[in-house]
PDB file of all heavy atoms in Angstrom:
ATOM      1  N   GLY A   1       0.847  -1.185   0.000  1.00  0.00           N
ATOM      2  CA  GLY A   1       0.000   0.000   0.000  1.00  0.00           C
ATOM      3  C   GLY A   1       0.880   1.230   0.000  1.00  0.00           C
ATOM      4  O   GLY A   1       2.107   1.145   0.112  1.00  0.00           O
ATOM      5  N   ARG A   2       0.248   2.374  -0.131  1.00  0.00           N
ATOM      6  CA  ARG A   2       1.017   3.623  -0.078  1.00  0.00           C
ATOM      7  C   ARG A   2       0.279   4.632   0.798  1.00  0.00           C
ATOM      8  O   ARG A   2      -0.949   4.596   0.930  1.00  0.00           O
ATOM      9  CB  ARG A   2       1.237   4.207  -1.465  1.00  0.00           C
ATOM     10  CG  ARG A   2      -0.022   4.724  -2.128  1.00  0.00           C
ATOM     11  CD  ARG A   2       0.306   5.498  -3.391  1.00  0.00           C
ATOM     12  NE  ARG A   2      -0.921   5.953  -4.050  1.00  0.00           N
ATOM     13  CZ  ARG A   2      -0.943   6.698  -5.144  1.00  0.00           C
ATOM     14  NH1 ARG A   2       0.192   7.071  -5.705  1.00  0.00           N
ATOM     15  NH2 ARG A   2      -2.089   7.071  -5.681  1.00  0.00           N
ATOM     16  N   LYS A   3       1.047   5.517   1.374  1.00  0.00           N
ATOM     17  CA  LYS A   3       0.466   6.564   2.203  1.00  0.00           C
ATOM     18  C   LYS A   3      -0.157   7.651   1.326  1.00  0.00           C
ATOM     19  O   LYS A   3       0.387   8.008   0.277  1.00  0.00           O
ATOM     20  CB  LYS A   3       1.535   7.198   3.099  1.00  0.00           C
ATOM     21  CG  LYS A   3       2.040   6.304   4.216  1.00  0.00           C
ATOM     22  CD  LYS A   3       3.061   7.042   5.079  1.00  0.00           C
ATOM     23  CE  LYS A   3       3.541   6.163   6.230  1.00  0.00           C
ATOM     24  NZ  LYS A   3       4.551   6.850   7.074  1.00  0.00           N
ATOM     25  N   LEU A   4      -1.283   8.167   1.774  1.00  0.00           N
ATOM     26  CA  LEU A   4      -1.882   9.355   1.177  1.00  0.00           C
ATOM     27  C   LEU A   4      -1.761  10.544   2.118  1.00  0.00           C
ATOM     28  O   LEU A   4      -1.813  11.694   1.688  1.00  0.00           O
ATOM     29  CB  LEU A   4      -3.363   9.099   0.854  1.00  0.00           C
ATOM     30  CG  LEU A   4      -3.649   7.981  -0.150  1.00  0.00           C
ATOM     31  CD1 LEU A   4      -5.155   7.801  -0.322  1.00  0.00           C
ATOM     32  CD2 LEU A   4      -2.982   8.253  -1.486  1.00  0.00           C
ATOM     33  N   ASP A   5      -1.602  10.247   3.404  1.00  0.00           N
ATOM     34  CA  ASP A   5      -1.479  11.302   4.404  1.00  0.00           C
ATOM     35  C   ASP A   5      -0.799  10.711   5.633  1.00  0.00           C
ATOM     36  O   ASP A   5      -0.923   9.512   5.911  1.00  0.00           O
ATOM     37  CB  ASP A   5      -2.861  11.848   4.791  1.00  0.00           C
ATOM     38  CG  ASP A   5      -2.772  13.048   5.725  1.00  0.00           C
ATOM     39  OD1 ASP A   5      -2.559  14.164   5.228  1.00  0.00           O
ATOM     40  OD2 ASP A   5      -2.901  12.854   6.941  1.00  0.00           O
ATOM     41  N   GLN A   6      -0.058  11.553   6.356  1.00  0.00           N
ATOM     42  CA  GLN A   6       0.544  11.123   7.608  1.00  0.00           C
ATOM     43  C   GLN A   6       0.606  12.300   8.566  1.00  0.00           C
ATOM     44  O   GLN A   6       0.509  13.459   8.151  1.00  0.00           O
ATOM     45  CB  GLN A   6       1.931  10.519   7.386  1.00  0.00           C
ATOM     46  CG  GLN A   6       2.918  11.393   6.662  1.00  0.00           C
ATOM     47  CD  GLN A   6       4.235  10.661   6.392  1.00  0.00           C
ATOM     48  OE1 GLN A   6       4.543   9.633   6.969  1.00  0.00           O
ATOM     49  NE2 GLN A   6       5.039  11.217   5.503  1.00  0.00           N
ATOM     50  N   TYR A   7       0.721  11.991   9.822  1.00  0.00           N
ATOM     51  CA  TYR A   7       0.795  13.039  10.829  1.00  0.00           C
ATOM     52  C   TYR A   7       1.836  12.675  11.872  1.00  0.00           C
ATOM     53  O   TYR A   7       1.845  11.542  12.362  1.00  0.00           O
ATOM     54  CB  TYR A   7      -0.559  13.245  11.516  1.00  0.00           C
ATOM     55  CG  TYR A   7      -0.569  14.447  12.435  1.00  0.00           C
ATOM     56  CD1 TYR A   7      -0.632  15.737  11.907  1.00  0.00           C
ATOM     57  CD2 TYR A   7      -0.474  14.304  13.813  1.00  0.00           C
ATOM     58  CE1 TYR A   7      -0.616  16.843  12.738  1.00  0.00           C
ATOM     59  CE2 TYR A   7      -0.457  15.407  14.640  1.00  0.00           C
ATOM     60  CZ  TYR A   7      -0.526  16.677  14.104  1.00  0.00           C
ATOM     61  OH  TYR A   7      -0.498  17.773  14.916  1.00  0.00           O
ATOM     62  N   PRO A   8       2.730  13.643  12.188  1.00  0.00           N
ATOM     63  CA  PRO A   8       2.904  14.951  11.580  1.00  0.00           C
ATOM     64  C   PRO A   8       3.249  14.855  10.082  1.00  0.00           C
ATOM     65  O   PRO A   8       3.761  13.830   9.632  1.00  0.00           O
ATOM     66  CB  PRO A   8       4.071  15.555  12.362  1.00  0.00           C
ATOM     67  CG  PRO A   8       4.096  14.809  13.654  1.00  0.00           C
ATOM     68  CD  PRO A   8       3.660  13.427  13.320  1.00  0.00           C
ATOM     69  N   ALA A   9       2.963  15.929   9.358  1.00  0.00           N
ATOM     70  CA  ALA A   9       3.134  15.937   7.911  1.00  0.00           C
ATOM     71  C   ALA A   9       4.553  15.553   7.523  1.00  0.00           C
ATOM     72  O   ALA A   9       5.521  16.009   8.130  1.00  0.00           O
ATOM     73  CB  ALA A   9       2.804  17.332   7.361  1.00  0.00           C
ATOM     74  N   GLN A  10       4.671  14.723   6.517  1.00  0.00           N
ATOM     75  CA  GLN A  10       5.905  14.287   5.873  1.00  0.00           C
ATOM     76  C   GLN A  10       6.727  13.272   6.677  1.00  0.00           C
ATOM     77  O   GLN A  10       7.398  12.433   6.098  1.00  0.00           O
ATOM     78  CB  GLN A  10       6.796  15.489   5.513  1.00  0.00           C
ATOM     79  CG  GLN A  10       6.187  16.398   4.442  1.00  0.00           C
ATOM     80  CD  GLN A  10       7.154  17.460   4.008  1.00  0.00           C
ATOM     81  OE1 GLN A  10       7.469  18.355   4.789  1.00  0.00           O
ATOM     82  NE2 GLN A  10       7.639  17.380   2.791  1.00  0.00           N
ATOM     83  N   TYR A  11       6.691  13.348   8.011  1.00  0.00           N
ATOM     84  CA  TYR A  11       7.603  12.494   8.782  1.00  0.00           C
ATOM     85  C   TYR A  11       6.891  11.752   9.916  1.00  0.00           C
ATOM     86  O   TYR A  11       7.490  11.395  10.901  1.00  0.00           O
ATOM     87  CB  TYR A  11       8.742  13.351   9.371  1.00  0.00           C
ATOM     88  CG  TYR A  11       9.346  14.281   8.353  1.00  0.00           C
ATOM     89  CD1 TYR A  11       9.077  15.652   8.387  1.00  0.00           C
ATOM     90  CD2 TYR A  11      10.151  13.786   7.339  1.00  0.00           C
ATOM     91  CE1 TYR A  11       9.615  16.505   7.440  1.00  0.00           C
ATOM     92  CE2 TYR A  11      10.681  14.635   6.386  1.00  0.00           C
ATOM     93  CZ  TYR A  11      10.411  15.987   6.437  1.00  0.00           C
ATOM     94  OH  TYR A  11      10.943  16.823   5.494  1.00  0.00           O
ATOM     95  N   GLY A  12       5.596  11.514   9.751  1.00  0.00           N
ATOM     96  CA  GLY A  12       4.851  10.889  10.836  1.00  0.00           C
ATOM     97  C   GLY A  12       4.387   9.488  10.492  1.00  0.00           C
ATOM     98  O   GLY A  12       4.926   8.809   9.621  1.00  0.00           O
ATOM     99  N   SER A  13       3.361   9.051  11.202  1.00  0.00           N
ATOM    100  CA  SER A  13       2.735   7.746  10.950  1.00  0.00           C
ATOM    101  C   SER A  13       1.550   7.938  10.010  1.00  0.00           C
ATOM    102  O   SER A  13       0.918   9.000   9.984  1.00  0.00           O
ATOM    103  CB  SER A  13       2.255   7.134  12.271  1.00  0.00           C
ATOM    104  OG  SER A  13       3.343   6.908  13.141  1.00  0.00           O
ATOM    105  N   GLY A  14       1.243   6.902   9.241  1.00  0.00           N
ATOM    106  CA  GLY A  14       0.161   6.996   8.276  1.00  0.00           C
ATOM    107  C   GLY A  14      -1.181   7.266   8.934  1.00  0.00           C
ATOM    108  O   GLY A  14      -1.519   6.669   9.953  1.00  0.00           O
ATOM    109  N   THR A  15      -1.943   8.192   8.356  1.00  0.00           N
ATOM    110  CA  THR A  15      -3.305   8.455   8.815  1.00  0.00           C
ATOM    111  C   THR A  15      -4.325   8.071   7.744  1.00  0.00           C
ATOM    112  O   THR A  15      -5.467   7.749   8.054  1.00  0.00           O
ATOM    113  CB  THR A  15      -3.495   9.939   9.172  1.00  0.00           C
ATOM    114  OG1 THR A  15      -3.295  10.735   7.990  1.00  0.00           O
ATOM    115  CG2 THR A  15      -2.503  10.377  10.244  1.00  0.00           C
ATOM    116  N   LEU A  16      -3.912   8.136   6.484  1.00  0.00           N
ATOM    117  CA  LEU A  16      -4.754   7.709   5.360  1.00  0.00           C
ATOM    118  C   LEU A  16      -3.855   6.946   4.388  1.00  0.00           C
ATOM    119  O   LEU A  16      -2.849   7.473   3.919  1.00  0.00           O
ATOM    120  CB  LEU A  16      -5.398   8.908   4.662  1.00  0.00           C
ATOM    121  CG  LEU A  16      -6.391   8.572   3.545  1.00  0.00           C
ATOM    122  CD1 LEU A  16      -7.633   7.890   4.114  1.00  0.00           C
ATOM    123  CD2 LEU A  16      -6.791   9.826   2.764  1.00  0.00           C
ATOM    124  N   VAL A  17      -4.222   5.698   4.125  1.00  0.00           N
ATOM    125  CA  VAL A  17      -3.397   4.798   3.309  1.00  0.00           C
ATOM    126  C   VAL A  17      -4.313   4.103   2.315  1.00  0.00           C
ATOM    127  O   VAL A  17      -5.498   3.892   2.602  1.00  0.00           O
ATOM    128  CB  VAL A  17      -2.697   3.748   4.210  1.00  0.00           C
ATOM    129  CG1 VAL A  17      -1.828   2.818   3.391  1.00  0.00           C
ATOM    130  CG2 VAL A  17      -1.883   4.427   5.303  1.00  0.00           C
ATOM    131  N   GLU A  18      -3.783   3.742   1.144  1.00  0.00           N
ATOM    132  CA  GLU A  18      -4.591   2.992   0.189  1.00  0.00           C
ATOM    133  C   GLU A  18      -3.849   1.761  -0.295  1.00  0.00           C
ATOM    134  O   GLU A  18      -2.620   1.756  -0.386  1.00  0.00           O
ATOM    135  CB  GLU A  18      -4.998   3.862  -1.003  1.00  0.00           C
ATOM    136  CG  GLU A  18      -3.877   4.184  -1.962  1.00  0.00           C
ATOM    137  CD  GLU A  18      -4.369   4.848  -3.242  1.00  0.00           C
ATOM    138  OE1 GLU A  18      -5.594   4.858  -3.475  1.00  0.00           O
ATOM    139  OE2 GLU A  18      -3.523   5.349  -4.002  1.00  0.00           O
ATOM    140  N   SER A  19      -4.624   0.725  -0.587  1.00  0.00           N
ATOM    141  CA  SER A  19      -4.038  -0.480  -1.169  1.00  0.00           C
ATOM    142  C   SER A  19      -3.792  -0.235  -2.649  1.00  0.00           C
ATOM    143  O   SER A  19      -4.641   0.314  -3.351  1.00  0.00           O
ATOM    144  CB  SER A  19      -4.968  -1.680  -0.966  1.00  0.00           C
ATOM    145  OG  SER A  19      -6.235  -1.439  -1.564  1.00  0.00           O
ATOM    146  N   ILE A  20      -2.627  -0.622  -3.098  1.00  0.00           N
ATOM    147  CA  ILE A  20      -2.233  -0.375  -4.482  1.00  0.00           C
ATOM    148  C   ILE A  20      -1.186  -1.401  -4.869  1.00  0.00           C
ATOM    149  O   ILE A  20      -0.463  -1.917  -4.005  1.00  0.00           O
ATOM    150  CB  ILE A  20      -1.672   1.068  -4.629  1.00  0.00           C
ATOM    151  CG1 ILE A  20      -1.422   1.413  -6.098  1.00  0.00           C
ATOM    152  CG2 ILE A  20      -0.411   1.255  -3.801  1.00  0.00           C
ATOM    153  CD1 ILE A  20      -1.026   2.864  -6.320  1.00  0.00           C
ATOM    154  N   ILE A  21      -1.099  -1.718  -6.141  1.00  0.00           N
ATOM    155  CA  ILE A  21      -0.043  -2.605  -6.623  1.00  0.00           C
ATOM    156  C   ILE A  21       0.796  -1.853  -7.654  1.00  0.00           C
ATOM    157  O   ILE A  21       0.269  -1.379  -8.665  1.00  0.00           O
ATOM    158  CB  ILE A  21      -0.616  -3.884  -7.256  1.00  0.00           C
ATOM    159  CG1 ILE A  21      -1.381  -4.703  -6.222  1.00  0.00           C
ATOM    160  CG2 ILE A  21       0.520  -4.739  -7.847  1.00  0.00           C
ATOM    161  CD1 ILE A  21      -2.058  -5.933  -6.790  1.00  0.00           C
ATOM    162  N   GLU A  22       2.068  -1.711  -7.368  1.00  0.00           N
ATOM    163  CA  GLU A  22       3.050  -1.213  -8.329  1.00  0.00           C
ATOM    164  C   GLU A  22       4.156  -2.259  -8.375  1.00  0.00           C
ATOM    165  O   GLU A  22       4.897  -2.427  -7.401  1.00  0.00           O
ATOM    166  CB  GLU A  22       3.583   0.161  -7.922  1.00  0.00           C
ATOM    167  CG  GLU A  22       2.555   1.271  -8.061  1.00  0.00           C
ATOM    168  CD  GLU A  22       3.167   2.665  -7.946  1.00  0.00           C
ATOM    169  OE1 GLU A  22       4.409   2.790  -8.102  1.00  0.00           O
ATOM    170  OE2 GLU A  22       2.410   3.612  -7.683  1.00  0.00           O
ATOM    171  N   GLU A  23       4.244  -2.948  -9.486  1.00  0.00           N
ATOM    172  CA  GLU A  23       5.106  -4.130  -9.572  1.00  0.00           C
ATOM    173  C   GLU A  23       6.556  -3.843  -9.213  1.00  0.00           C
ATOM    174  O   GLU A  23       7.216  -4.644  -8.545  1.00  0.00           O
ATOM    175  CB  GLU A  23       5.022  -4.728 -10.978  1.00  0.00           C
ATOM    176  CG  GLU A  23       3.643  -5.303 -11.331  1.00  0.00           C
ATOM    177  CD  GLU A  23       3.238  -6.478 -10.447  1.00  0.00           C
ATOM    178  OE1 GLU A  23       4.120  -7.090  -9.816  1.00  0.00           O
ATOM    179  OE2 GLU A  23       2.023  -6.769 -10.375  1.00  0.00           O
ATOM    180  N   GLU A  24       7.074  -2.694  -9.634  1.00  0.00           N
ATOM    181  CA  GLU A  24       8.472  -2.364  -9.335  1.00  0.00           C
ATOM    182  C   GLU A  24       8.693  -2.233  -7.828  1.00  0.00           C
ATOM    183  O   GLU A  24       9.671  -2.747  -7.273  1.00  0.00           O
ATOM    184  CB  GLU A  24       8.863  -1.055 -10.023  1.00  0.00           C
ATOM    185  CG  GLU A  24      10.299  -0.641  -9.734  1.00  0.00           C
ATOM    186  CD  GLU A  24      10.577   0.822 -10.051  1.00  0.00           C
ATOM    187  OE1 GLU A  24       9.668   1.525 -10.528  1.00  0.00           O
ATOM    188  OE2 GLU A  24      11.730   1.267  -9.787  1.00  0.00           O
ATOM    189  N   VAL A  25       7.755  -1.559  -7.162  1.00  0.00           N
ATOM    190  CA  VAL A  25       7.873  -1.352  -5.714  1.00  0.00           C
ATOM    191  C   VAL A  25       7.733  -2.680  -4.983  1.00  0.00           C
ATOM    192  O   VAL A  25       8.503  -2.988  -4.059  1.00  0.00           O
ATOM    193  CB  VAL A  25       6.803  -0.354  -5.221  1.00  0.00           C
ATOM    194  CG1 VAL A  25       6.937  -0.139  -3.713  1.00  0.00           C
ATOM    195  CG2 VAL A  25       6.927   0.973  -5.957  1.00  0.00           C
ATOM    196  N   LEU A  26       6.747  -3.473  -5.384  1.00  0.00           N
ATOM    197  CA  LEU A  26       6.524  -4.772  -4.753  1.00  0.00           C
ATOM    198  C   LEU A  26       7.760  -5.656  -4.887  1.00  0.00           C
ATOM    199  O   LEU A  26       8.209  -6.278  -3.902  1.00  0.00           O
ATOM    200  CB  LEU A  26       5.310  -5.453  -5.378  1.00  0.00           C
ATOM    201  CG  LEU A  26       4.924  -6.823  -4.816  1.00  0.00           C
ATOM    202  CD1 LEU A  26       4.555  -6.736  -3.346  1.00  0.00           C
ATOM    203  CD2 LEU A  26       3.768  -7.431  -5.626  1.00  0.00           C
ATOM    204  N   ALA A  27       8.331  -5.698  -6.080  1.00  0.00           N
ATOM    205  CA  ALA A  27       9.510  -6.540  -6.317  1.00  0.00           C
ATOM    206  C   ALA A  27      10.698  -6.075  -5.484  1.00  0.00           C
ATOM    207  O   ALA A  27      11.419  -6.898  -4.898  1.00  0.00           O
ATOM    208  CB  ALA A  27       9.865  -6.536  -7.803  1.00  0.00           C
ATOM    209  N   GLU A  28      10.891  -4.769  -5.392  1.00  0.00           N
ATOM    210  CA  GLU A  28      12.015  -4.242  -4.597  1.00  0.00           C
ATOM    211  C   GLU A  28      11.804  -4.498  -3.113  1.00  0.00           C
ATOM    212  O   GLU A  28      12.746  -4.854  -2.393  1.00  0.00           O
ATOM    213  CB  GLU A  28      12.177  -2.741  -4.866  1.00  0.00           C
ATOM    214  CG  GLU A  28      13.265  -2.054  -4.056  1.00  0.00           C
ATOM    215  CD  GLU A  28      14.676  -2.547  -4.346  1.00  0.00           C
ATOM    216  OE1 GLU A  28      14.863  -3.380  -5.259  1.00  0.00           O
ATOM    217  OE2 GLU A  28      15.600  -2.092  -3.644  1.00  0.00           O
ATOM    218  N   GLY A  29      10.570  -4.333  -2.633  1.00  0.00           N
ATOM    219  CA  GLY A  29      10.288  -4.595  -1.232  1.00  0.00           C
ATOM    220  C   GLY A  29      10.548  -6.050  -0.864  1.00  0.00           C
ATOM    221  O   GLY A  29      11.188  -6.345   0.157  1.00  0.00           O
ATOM    222  N   LEU A  30      10.066  -6.972  -1.691  1.00  0.00           N
ATOM    223  CA  LEU A  30      10.285  -8.392  -1.416  1.00  0.00           C
ATOM    224  C   LEU A  30      11.765  -8.755  -1.530  1.00  0.00           C
ATOM    225  O   LEU A  30      12.277  -9.583  -0.767  1.00  0.00           O
ATOM    226  CB  LEU A  30       9.455  -9.245  -2.377  1.00  0.00           C
ATOM    227  CG  LEU A  30       7.932  -9.138  -2.218  1.00  0.00           C
ATOM    228  CD1 LEU A  30       7.218  -9.961  -3.288  1.00  0.00           C
ATOM    229  CD2 LEU A  30       7.488  -9.576  -0.830  1.00  0.00           C
ATOM    230  N   ARG A  31      12.463  -8.130  -2.470  1.00  0.00           N
ATOM    231  CA  ARG A  31      13.910  -8.381  -2.602  1.00  0.00           C
ATOM    232  C   ARG A  31      14.645  -8.005  -1.322  1.00  0.00           C
ATOM    233  O   ARG A  31      15.508  -8.755  -0.832  1.00  0.00           O
ATOM    234  CB  ARG A  31      14.473  -7.579  -3.780  1.00  0.00           C
ATOM    235  CG  ARG A  31      15.954  -7.839  -4.060  1.00  0.00           C
ATOM    236  CD  ARG A  31      16.474  -6.894  -5.126  1.00  0.00           C
ATOM    237  NE  ARG A  31      16.685  -5.555  -4.588  1.00  0.00           N
ATOM    238  CZ  ARG A  31      17.813  -5.164  -3.959  1.00  0.00           C
ATOM    239  NH1 ARG A  31      18.800  -6.018  -3.769  1.00  0.00           N
ATOM    240  NH2 ARG A  31      17.921  -3.920  -3.513  1.00  0.00           N
ATOM    241  N   ILE A  32      14.287  -6.853  -0.742  1.00  0.00           N
ATOM    242  CA  ILE A  32      14.952  -6.399   0.483  1.00  0.00           C
ATOM    243  C   ILE A  32      14.612  -7.321   1.652  1.00  0.00           C
ATOM    244  O   ILE A  32      15.492  -7.701   2.433  1.00  0.00           O
ATOM    245  CB  ILE A  32      14.569  -4.940   0.793  1.00  0.00           C
ATOM    246  CG1 ILE A  32      15.176  -4.002  -0.256  1.00  0.00           C
ATOM    247  CG2 ILE A  32      15.018  -4.543   2.200  1.00  0.00           C
ATOM    248  CD1 ILE A  32      14.729  -2.563  -0.150  1.00  0.00           C
ATOM    249  N   LEU A  33      13.336  -7.704   1.769  1.00  0.00           N
ATOM    250  CA  LEU A  33      12.951  -8.613   2.851  1.00  0.00           C
ATOM    251  C   LEU A  33      13.729  -9.924   2.753  1.00  0.00           C
ATOM    252  O   LEU A  33      14.169 -10.485   3.768  1.00  0.00           O
ATOM    253  CB  LEU A  33      11.450  -8.876   2.814  1.00  0.00           C
ATOM    254  CG  LEU A  33      10.540  -7.697   3.201  1.00  0.00           C
ATOM    255  CD1 LEU A  33       9.076  -8.064   2.998  1.00  0.00           C
ATOM    256  CD2 LEU A  33      10.769  -7.263   4.634  1.00  0.00           C
ATOM    257  N   GLU A  34      13.919 -10.408   1.541  1.00  0.00           N
ATOM    258  CA  GLU A  34      14.643 -11.668   1.368  1.00  0.00           C
ATOM    259  C   GLU A  34      16.139 -11.497   1.608  1.00  0.00           C
ATOM    260  O   GLU A  34      16.809 -12.431   2.056  1.00  0.00           O
ATOM    261  CB  GLU A  34      14.332 -12.237  -0.019  1.00  0.00           C
ATOM    262  CG  GLU A  34      12.915 -12.825  -0.062  1.00  0.00           C
ATOM    263  CD  GLU A  34      12.327 -12.955  -1.450  1.00  0.00           C
ATOM    264  OE1 GLU A  34      13.102 -12.889  -2.434  1.00  0.00           O
ATOM    265  OE2 GLU A  34      11.086 -13.129  -1.557  1.00  0.00           O
ATOM    266  N   LEU A  35      16.672 -10.306   1.354  1.00  0.00           N
ATOM    267  CA  LEU A  35      18.069 -10.031   1.700  1.00  0.00           C
ATOM    268  C   LEU A  35      18.293 -10.131   3.205  1.00  0.00           C
ATOM    269  O   LEU A  35      19.367 -10.540   3.659  1.00  0.00           O
ATOM    270  CB  LEU A  35      18.466  -8.621   1.229  1.00  0.00           C
ATOM    271  CG  LEU A  35      18.855  -8.439  -0.232  1.00  0.00           C
ATOM    272  CD1 LEU A  35      19.114  -6.961  -0.517  1.00  0.00           C
ATOM    273  CD2 LEU A  35      20.089  -9.266  -0.581  1.00  0.00           C
ATOM    274  N   PHE A  36      17.264  -9.764   3.976  1.00  0.00           N
ATOM    275  CA  PHE A  36      17.357  -9.817   5.438  1.00  0.00           C
ATOM    276  C   PHE A  36      17.050 -11.208   5.999  1.00  0.00           C
ATOM    277  O   PHE A  36      17.109 -11.407   7.210  1.00  0.00           O
ATOM    278  CB  PHE A  36      16.423  -8.785   6.067  1.00  0.00           C
ATOM    279  CG  PHE A  36      16.976  -7.390   6.097  1.00  0.00           C
ATOM    280  CD1 PHE A  36      16.682  -6.484   5.093  1.00  0.00           C
ATOM    281  CD2 PHE A  36      17.800  -6.976   7.133  1.00  0.00           C
ATOM    282  CE1 PHE A  36      17.190  -5.191   5.121  1.00  0.00           C
ATOM    283  CE2 PHE A  36      18.310  -5.689   7.176  1.00  0.00           C
ATOM    284  CZ  PHE A  36      18.009  -4.794   6.168  1.00  0.00           C
ATOM    285  N   ASN A  37      16.678 -12.155   5.117  1.00  0.00           N
ATOM    286  CA  ASN A  37      16.373 -13.528   5.563  1.00  0.00           C
ATOM    287  C   ASN A  37      15.292 -13.565   6.643  1.00  0.00           C
ATOM    288  O   ASN A  37      15.427 -14.262   7.648  1.00  0.00           O
ATOM    289  CB  ASN A  37      17.635 -14.225   6.077  1.00  0.00           C
ATOM    290  CG  ASN A  37      18.612 -14.525   4.966  1.00  0.00           C
ATOM    291  OD1 ASN A  37      18.228 -15.052   3.915  1.00  0.00           O
ATOM    292  ND2 ASN A  37      19.867 -14.184   5.174  1.00  0.00           N
TER     293      ASN A  37
END
């Protein structure tokens, strides 16, 4: 998913988030998780 809003602005925790699929982001995220075993 991706953030649409967070508080405090720019550097906080998500307040509004949406589910989304972006293949490049998904692949990079899973690659990093697998690097960490």
